[in-house]
C-alpha atoms as a PDB file:
ATOM      1  CA  UNK A   1       5.048   7.049 -15.572  1.00  0.00           C
ATOM      2  CA  UNK A   2       5.579   6.630 -11.810  1.00  0.00           C
ATOM      3  CA  UNK A   3       7.112   9.559  -9.935  1.00  0.00           C
ATOM      4  CA  UNK A   4      10.806   9.617  -9.097  1.00  0.00           C
ATOM      5  CA  UNK A   5      10.482   8.892  -5.362  1.00  0.00           C
ATOM      6  CA  UNK A   6      14.185   9.443  -4.688  1.00  0.00           C
ATOM      7  CA  UNK A   7      14.034  12.894  -6.289  1.00  0.00           C
ATOM      8  CA  UNK A   8      10.930  13.759  -4.262  1.00  0.00           C
ATOM      9  CA  UNK A   9      12.759  12.690  -1.080  1.00  0.00           C
ATOM     10  CA  UNK A  10      15.626  15.068  -1.946  1.00  0.00           C
ATOM     11  CA  UNK A  11      13.191  17.913  -2.580  1.00  0.00           C
ATOM     12  CA  UNK A  12      11.301  17.279   0.689  1.00  0.00           C
ATOM     13  CA  UNK A  13      14.596  17.270   2.585  1.00  0.00           C
ATOM     14  CA  UNK A  14      15.460  20.640   0.986  1.00  0.00           C
ATOM     15  CA  UNK A  15      11.978  21.955   1.824  1.00  0.00           C
ATOM     16  CA  UNK A  16      12.458  21.024   5.480  1.00  0.00           C
ATOM     17  CA  UNK A  17      15.745  22.948   5.506  1.00  0.00           C
ATOM     18  CA  UNK A  18      14.067  25.978   3.875  1.00  0.00           C
ATOM     19  CA  UNK A  19      11.360  25.838   6.576  1.00  0.00           C
ATOM     20  CA  UNK A  20      14.080  26.135   9.224  1.00  0.00           C
ATOM     21  CA  UNK A  21      13.939  22.485  10.284  1.00  0.00           C
ATOM     22  CA  UNK A  22      16.768  20.029  10.801  1.00  0.00           C
ATOM     23  CA  UNK A  23      15.967  17.018   8.582  1.00  0.00           C
ATOM     24  CA  UNK A  24      18.533  14.958  10.521  1.00  0.00           C
ATOM     25  CA  UNK A  25      16.761  15.213  13.872  1.00  0.00           C
ATOM     26  CA  UNK A  26      15.093  12.030  15.123  1.00  0.00           C
ATOM     27  CA  UNK A  27      11.495  12.933  14.285  1.00  0.00           C
ATOM     28  CA  UNK A  28      12.323  14.044  10.736  1.00  0.00           C
ATOM     29  CA  UNK A  29      14.950  11.486   9.671  1.00  0.00           C
ATOM     30  CA  UNK A  30      12.505   9.396   7.641  1.00  0.00           C
ATOM     31  CA  UNK A  31      10.076  12.204   6.794  1.00  0.00           C
ATOM     32  CA  UNK A  32      11.355  12.768   3.234  1.00  0.00           C
ATOM     33  CA  UNK A  33      10.861   9.075   2.453  1.00  0.00           C
ATOM     34  CA  UNK A  34       7.412   9.008   4.072  1.00  0.00           C
ATOM     35  CA  UNK A  35       6.253  12.160   2.273  1.00  0.00           C
ATOM     36  CA  UNK A  36       7.541  10.905  -1.090  1.00  0.00           C
ATOM     37  CA  UNK A  37       5.748   7.569  -0.640  1.00  0.00           C
ATOM     38  CA  UNK A  38       2.535   9.268   0.515  1.00  0.00           C
ATOM     39  CA  UNK A  39       2.515  11.777  -2.352  1.00  0.00           C
ATOM     40  CA  UNK A  40       3.186   9.025  -4.864  1.00  0.00           C
ATOM     41  CA  UNK A  41       0.159   7.101  -3.570  1.00  0.00           C
ATOM     42  CA  UNK A  42      -2.095  10.159  -3.193  1.00  0.00           C
ATOM     43  CA  UNK A  43      -1.451  11.195  -6.807  1.00  0.00           C
ATOM     44  CA  UNK A  44      -1.579   7.696  -8.346  1.00  0.00           C
ATOM     45  CA  UNK A  45      -4.993   8.217  -9.965  1.00  0.00           C
ATOM     46  CA  UNK A  46      -3.512   9.752 -13.117  1.00  0.00           C
ATOM     47  CA  UNK A  47      -1.585   6.531 -13.684  1.00  0.00           C
ATOM     48  CA  UNK A  48      -4.663   4.274 -13.622  1.00  0.00           C
ATOM     49  CA  UNK A  49      -6.582   3.314 -16.754  1.00  0.00           C
ATOM     50  CA  UNK A  50     -10.336   3.378 -15.988  1.00  0.00           C
ATOM     51  CA  UNK A  51     -10.963   0.493 -18.416  1.00  0.00           C
ATOM     52  CA  UNK A  52      -8.472  -1.691 -16.529  1.00  0.00           C
ATOM     53  CA  UNK A  53      -9.911  -0.520 -13.208  1.00  0.00           C
ATOM     54  CA  UNK A  54     -13.441  -1.554 -14.219  1.00  0.00           C
ATOM     55  CA  UNK A  55     -11.919  -4.794 -15.538  1.00  0.00           C
ATOM     56  CA  UNK A  56     -15.073  -6.075 -17.188  1.00  0.00           C
ATOM     57  CA  UNK A  57     -17.194  -5.736 -14.037  1.00  0.00           C
ATOM     58  CA  UNK A  58     -20.128  -4.455 -16.092  1.00  0.00           C
ATOM     59  CA  UNK A  59     -23.105  -6.763 -16.244  1.00  0.00           C
ATOM     60  CA  UNK A  60     -26.189  -7.054 -18.436  1.00  0.00           C
ATOM     61  CA  UNK A  61     -29.303  -6.164 -16.476  1.00  0.00           C
ATOM     62  CA  UNK A  62     -32.548  -4.934 -17.991  1.00  0.00           C
ATOM     63  CA  UNK A  63     -33.883  -2.406 -15.536  1.00  0.00           C
ATOM     64  CA  UNK A  64     -35.086   1.175 -15.550  1.00  0.00           C
ATOM     65  CA  UNK A  65     -34.672   1.486 -11.792  1.00  0.00           C
ATOM     66  CA  UNK A  66     -32.260   3.979 -10.284  1.00  0.00           C
ATOM     67  CA  UNK A  67     -29.091   2.493  -8.810  1.00  0.00           C
ATOM     68  CA  UNK A  68     -27.497   4.460  -5.966  1.00  0.00           C
ATOM     69  CA  UNK A  69     -24.337   4.034  -3.947  1.00  0.00           C
ATOM     70  CA  UNK A  70     -24.107   6.694  -1.277  1.00  0.00           C
ATOM     71  CA  UNK A  71     -21.650   7.731   1.401  1.00  0.00           C
ATOM     72  CA  UNK A  72     -18.536   6.635  -0.509  1.00  0.00           C
ATOM     73  CA  UNK A  73     -15.606   8.094   1.414  1.00  0.00           C
ATOM     74  CA  UNK A  74     -13.541  10.463  -0.685  1.00  0.00           C
ATOM     75  CA  UNK A  75     -10.050  11.779   0.106  1.00  0.00           C
ATOM     76  CA  UNK A  76      -8.170  14.043  -2.274  1.00  0.00           C
ATOM     77  CA  UNK A  77      -5.593  16.833  -2.436  1.00  0.00           C
ATOM     78  CA  UNK A  78      -6.548  20.384  -3.366  1.00  0.00           C
ATOM     79  CA  UNK A  79      -4.419  21.414  -6.328  1.00  0.00           C
ATOM     80  CA  UNK A  80      -4.106  24.986  -5.066  1.00  0.00           C
ATOM     81  CA  UNK A  81      -2.444  24.279  -1.703  1.00  0.00           C
ATOM     82  CA  UNK A  82      -1.789  20.515  -1.847  1.00  0.00           C
ATOM     83  CA  UNK A  83      -3.808  20.140   1.344  1.00  0.00           C
ATOM     84  CA  UNK A  84      -6.411  17.387   1.772  1.00  0.00           C
ATOM     85  CA  UNK A  85     -10.125  17.631   1.254  1.00  0.00           C
ATOM     86  CA  UNK A  86     -12.372  14.812   2.355  1.00  0.00           C
ATOM     87  CA  UNK A  87     -16.006  13.869   2.552  1.00  0.00           C
ATOM     88  CA  UNK A  88     -18.676  11.718   0.961  1.00  0.00           C
ATOM     89  CA  UNK A  89     -19.630  10.986  -2.619  1.00  0.00           C
ATOM     90  CA  UNK A  90     -23.097   9.857  -3.690  1.00  0.00           C
ATOM     91  CA  UNK A  91     -23.601   8.298  -7.125  1.00  0.00           C
ATOM     92  CA  UNK A  92     -26.883   7.463  -8.811  1.00  0.00           C
ATOM     93  CA  UNK A  93     -27.520   6.226 -12.321  1.00  0.00           C
ATOM     94  CA  UNK A  94     -30.264   4.810 -14.487  1.00  0.00           C
ATOM     95  CA  UNK A  95     -28.942   1.860 -16.469  1.00  0.00           C
ATOM     96  CA  UNK A  96     -29.488   1.263 -20.144  1.00  0.00           C
ATOM     97  CA  UNK A  97     -29.012  -2.498 -20.113  1.00  0.00           C
ATOM     98  CA  UNK A  98     -25.702  -2.511 -18.185  1.00  0.00           C
ATOM     99  CA  UNK A  99     -24.852  -2.131 -14.486  1.00  0.00           C
ATOM    100  CA  UNK A 100     -21.547  -1.838 -12.611  1.00  0.00           C
ATOM    101  CA  UNK A 101     -20.230  -4.306 -10.105  1.00  0.00           C
ATOM    102  CA  UNK A 102     -20.972  -2.264  -6.980  1.00  0.00           C
ATOM    103  CA  UNK A 103     -17.359  -1.915  -5.782  1.00  0.00           C
ATOM    104  CA  UNK A 104     -16.288  -0.397  -9.108  1.00  0.00           C
ATOM    105  CA  UNK A 105     -18.081   2.868  -8.331  1.00  0.00           C
ATOM    106  CA  UNK A 106     -16.039   3.306  -5.150  1.00  0.00           C
ATOM    107  CA  UNK A 107     -12.878   2.420  -7.078  1.00  0.00           C
ATOM    108  CA  UNK A 108     -13.708   5.053  -9.728  1.00  0.00           C
ATOM    109  CA  UNK A 109     -14.133   7.652  -6.981  1.00  0.00           C
ATOM    110  CA  UNK A 110     -10.723   6.722  -5.557  1.00  0.00           C
ATOM    111  CA  UNK A 111      -9.068   6.796  -8.983  1.00  0.00           C
ATOM    112  CA  UNK A 112     -10.231  10.340  -9.735  1.00  0.00           C
ATOM    113  CA  UNK A 113      -9.661  11.540  -6.150  1.00  0.00           C
ATOM    114  CA  UNK A 114      -6.048  10.312  -6.055  1.00  0.00           C
ATOM    115  CA  UNK A 115      -4.636  13.252  -7.962  1.00  0.00           C
ATOM    116  CA  UNK A 116      -4.169  16.968  -7.437  1.00  0.00           C
ATOM    117  CA  UNK A 117      -7.770  17.957  -7.832  1.00  0.00           C
ATOM    118  CA  UNK A 118     -10.613  20.444  -7.646  1.00  0.00           C
ATOM    119  CA  UNK A 119     -13.827  19.169  -6.100  1.00  0.00           C
ATOM    120  CA  UNK A 120     -15.811  20.591  -9.007  1.00  0.00           C
ATOM    121  CA  UNK A 121     -13.667  18.694 -11.552  1.00  0.00           C
ATOM    122  CA  UNK A 122     -13.722  15.513  -9.470  1.00  0.00           C
ATOM    123  CA  UNK A 123     -17.523  15.513  -9.446  1.00  0.00           C
ATOM    124  CA  UNK A 124     -17.681  16.005 -13.225  1.00  0.00           C
ATOM    125  CA  UNK A 125     -15.054  13.331 -13.954  1.00  0.00           C
ATOM    126  CA  UNK A 126     -16.902  10.716 -11.916  1.00  0.00           C
ATOM    127  CA  UNK A 127     -20.279  11.446 -13.533  1.00  0.00           C
ATOM    128  CA  UNK A 128     -18.866  11.396 -17.078  1.00  0.00           C
ATOM    129  CA  UNK A 129     -16.987   8.134 -16.458  1.00  0.00           C
ATOM    130  CA  UNK A 130     -20.120   6.429 -15.118  1.00  0.00           C
ATOM    131  CA  UNK A 131     -22.188   7.732 -18.046  1.00  0.00           C
ATOM    132  CA  UNK A 132     -19.668   6.723 -20.720  1.00  0.00           C
ATOM    133  CA  UNK A 133     -18.567   3.384 -19.244  1.00  0.00           C
ATOM    134  CA  UNK A 134     -22.022   1.806 -19.275  1.00  0.00           C
ATOM    135  CA  UNK A 135     -24.008   4.109 -21.566  1.00  0.00           C
ATOM    136  CA  UNK A 136     -26.312   5.042 -18.697  1.00  0.00           C
ATOM    137  CA  UNK A 137     -29.550   6.905 -19.415  1.00  0.00           C
ATOM    138  CA  UNK A 138     -28.606   9.375 -16.724  1.00  0.00           C
ATOM    139  CA  UNK A 139     -26.168   9.972 -13.880  1.00  0.00           C
ATOM    140  CA  UNK A 140     -26.180  12.082 -10.740  1.00  0.00           C
ATOM    141  CA  UNK A 141     -23.104  12.615  -8.571  1.00  0.00           C
ATOM    142  CA  UNK A 142     -22.934  14.731  -5.427  1.00  0.00           C
ATOM    143  CA  UNK A 143     -19.861  15.307  -3.277  1.00  0.00           C
ATOM    144  CA  UNK A 144     -19.935  16.913   0.167  1.00  0.00           C
ATOM    145  CA  UNK A 145     -16.421  17.719   1.384  1.00  0.00           C
ATOM    146  CA  UNK A 146     -14.420  19.659   3.935  1.00  0.00           C
ATOM    147  CA  UNK A 147     -11.278  21.402   2.702  1.00  0.00           C
ATOM    148  CA  UNK A 148      -8.284  21.757   5.016  1.00  0.00           C
ATOM    149  CA  UNK A 149      -7.040  24.678   2.916  1.00  0.00           C
ATOM    150  CA  UNK A 150     -10.121  26.532   4.157  1.00  0.00           C
ATOM    151  CA  UNK A 151     -10.117  25.094   7.680  1.00  0.00           C
ATOM    152  CA  UNK A 152      -6.442  25.356   8.681  1.00  0.00           C
ATOM    153  CA  UNK A 153      -5.404  28.526   6.867  1.00  0.00           C
ATOM    154  CA  UNK A 154      -6.978  31.449   5.049  1.00  0.00           C
ATOM    155  CA  UNK A 155     -10.480  32.061   6.392  1.00  0.00           C
ATOM    156  CA  UNK A 156     -10.157  29.263   9.008  1.00  0.00           C
ATOM    157  CA  UNK A 157     -13.783  28.116   8.819  1.00  0.00           C
ATOM    158  CA  UNK A 158     -13.842  24.690  10.460  1.00  0.00           C
ATOM    159  CA  UNK A 159     -17.518  23.913   9.886  1.00  0.00           C
ATOM    160  CA  UNK A 160     -17.786  24.758   6.201  1.00  0.00           C
ATOM    161  CA  UNK A 161     -18.782  22.042   3.739  1.00  0.00           C
ATOM    162  CA  UNK A 162     -18.553  22.381  -0.017  1.00  0.00           C
ATOM    163  CA  UNK A 163     -21.250  20.606  -2.044  1.00  0.00           C
ATOM    164  CA  UNK A 164     -20.870  19.952  -5.753  1.00  0.00           C
ATOM    165  CA  UNK A 165     -23.128  18.061  -8.115  1.00  0.00           C
ATOM    166  CA  UNK A 166     -23.078  16.877 -11.681  1.00  0.00           C
ATOM    167  CA  UNK A 167     -26.213  15.643 -13.418  1.00  0.00           C
ATOM    168  CA  UNK A 168     -26.220  14.155 -16.901  1.00  0.00           C
ATOM    169  CA  UNK A 169     -28.886  12.688 -19.176  1.00  0.00           C
ATOM    170  CA  UNK A 170     -32.229  12.010 -17.495  1.00  0.00           C
ATOM    171  CA  UNK A 171     -30.943  13.474 -14.222  1.00  0.00           C
ATOM    172  CA  UNK A 172     -30.510  16.809 -16.004  1.00  0.00           C
ATOM    173  CA  UNK A 173     -33.669  16.565 -18.113  1.00  0.00           C
ATOM    174  CA  UNK A 174     -36.134  15.420 -15.440  1.00  0.00           C
ATOM    175  CA  UNK A 175     -36.851  17.272 -12.200  1.00  0.00           C
ATOM    176  CA  UNK A 176     -38.594  14.125 -10.890  1.00  0.00           C
ATOM    177  CA  UNK A 177     -35.445  12.053 -11.444  1.00  0.00           C
ATOM    178  CA  UNK A 178     -33.294  14.650  -9.667  1.00  0.00           C
ATOM    179  CA  UNK A 179     -35.794  14.828  -6.794  1.00  0.00           C
ATOM    180  CA  UNK A 180     -35.812  11.027  -6.435  1.00  0.00           C
ATOM    181  CA  UNK A 181     -31.998  10.980  -6.339  1.00  0.00           C
ATOM    182  CA  UNK A 182     -31.834  13.745  -3.731  1.00  0.00           C
ATOM    183  CA  UNK A 183     -34.512  12.085  -1.596  1.00  0.00           C
ATOM    184  CA  UNK A 184     -32.765   8.713  -1.700  1.00  0.00           C
ATOM    185  CA  UNK A 185     -29.357  10.123  -0.743  1.00  0.00           C
ATOM    186  CA  UNK A 186     -30.992  12.063   2.085  1.00  0.00           C
ATOM    187  CA  UNK A 187     -30.909  15.625   0.711  1.00  0.00           C
ATOM    188  CA  UNK A 188     -33.942  17.788   0.079  1.00  0.00           C
ATOM    189  CA  UNK A 189     -34.437  19.490  -3.253  1.00  0.00           C
ATOM    190  CA  UNK A 190     -35.294  23.174  -3.267  1.00  0.00           C
END
């Protein structure tokens, strides 16, 4: 169900008042509407069906070769402070007779990122969706992101990057497969 944008506008207006602001001043007049629209968009991922998103863009292809899409931009909202985190997502998989239309991987990243999220959960959700949607032999997902909740407040560490990974199937079972994935996305294994 879509959010009640009018109700969100009312709540944002009240929040501005509680913060000591005048929501009627020129710079803030349309802020409640803008924030409500932005939050509705930035949390729209829960209202998207992954099957409809993929929309049949899965194709028969007999190959055992690793497929990688790297440097997919990712933007999400931390569920703890509702502040953005952003970075890059790298996805690799080994098909089992089916491959994705290449843009669908980026769309899956967006779908799971457009919700109040934890980076750790986001990484897991993407890898499981890729694995289950095409019955892949294995999947590796890595996300490198900067969190504004850590940069702008709290410890105020502007150069910190959080890295999360999820490996399933052959990526979990085979060190060689993991090493190949890490080498191809430009990261060294330890």
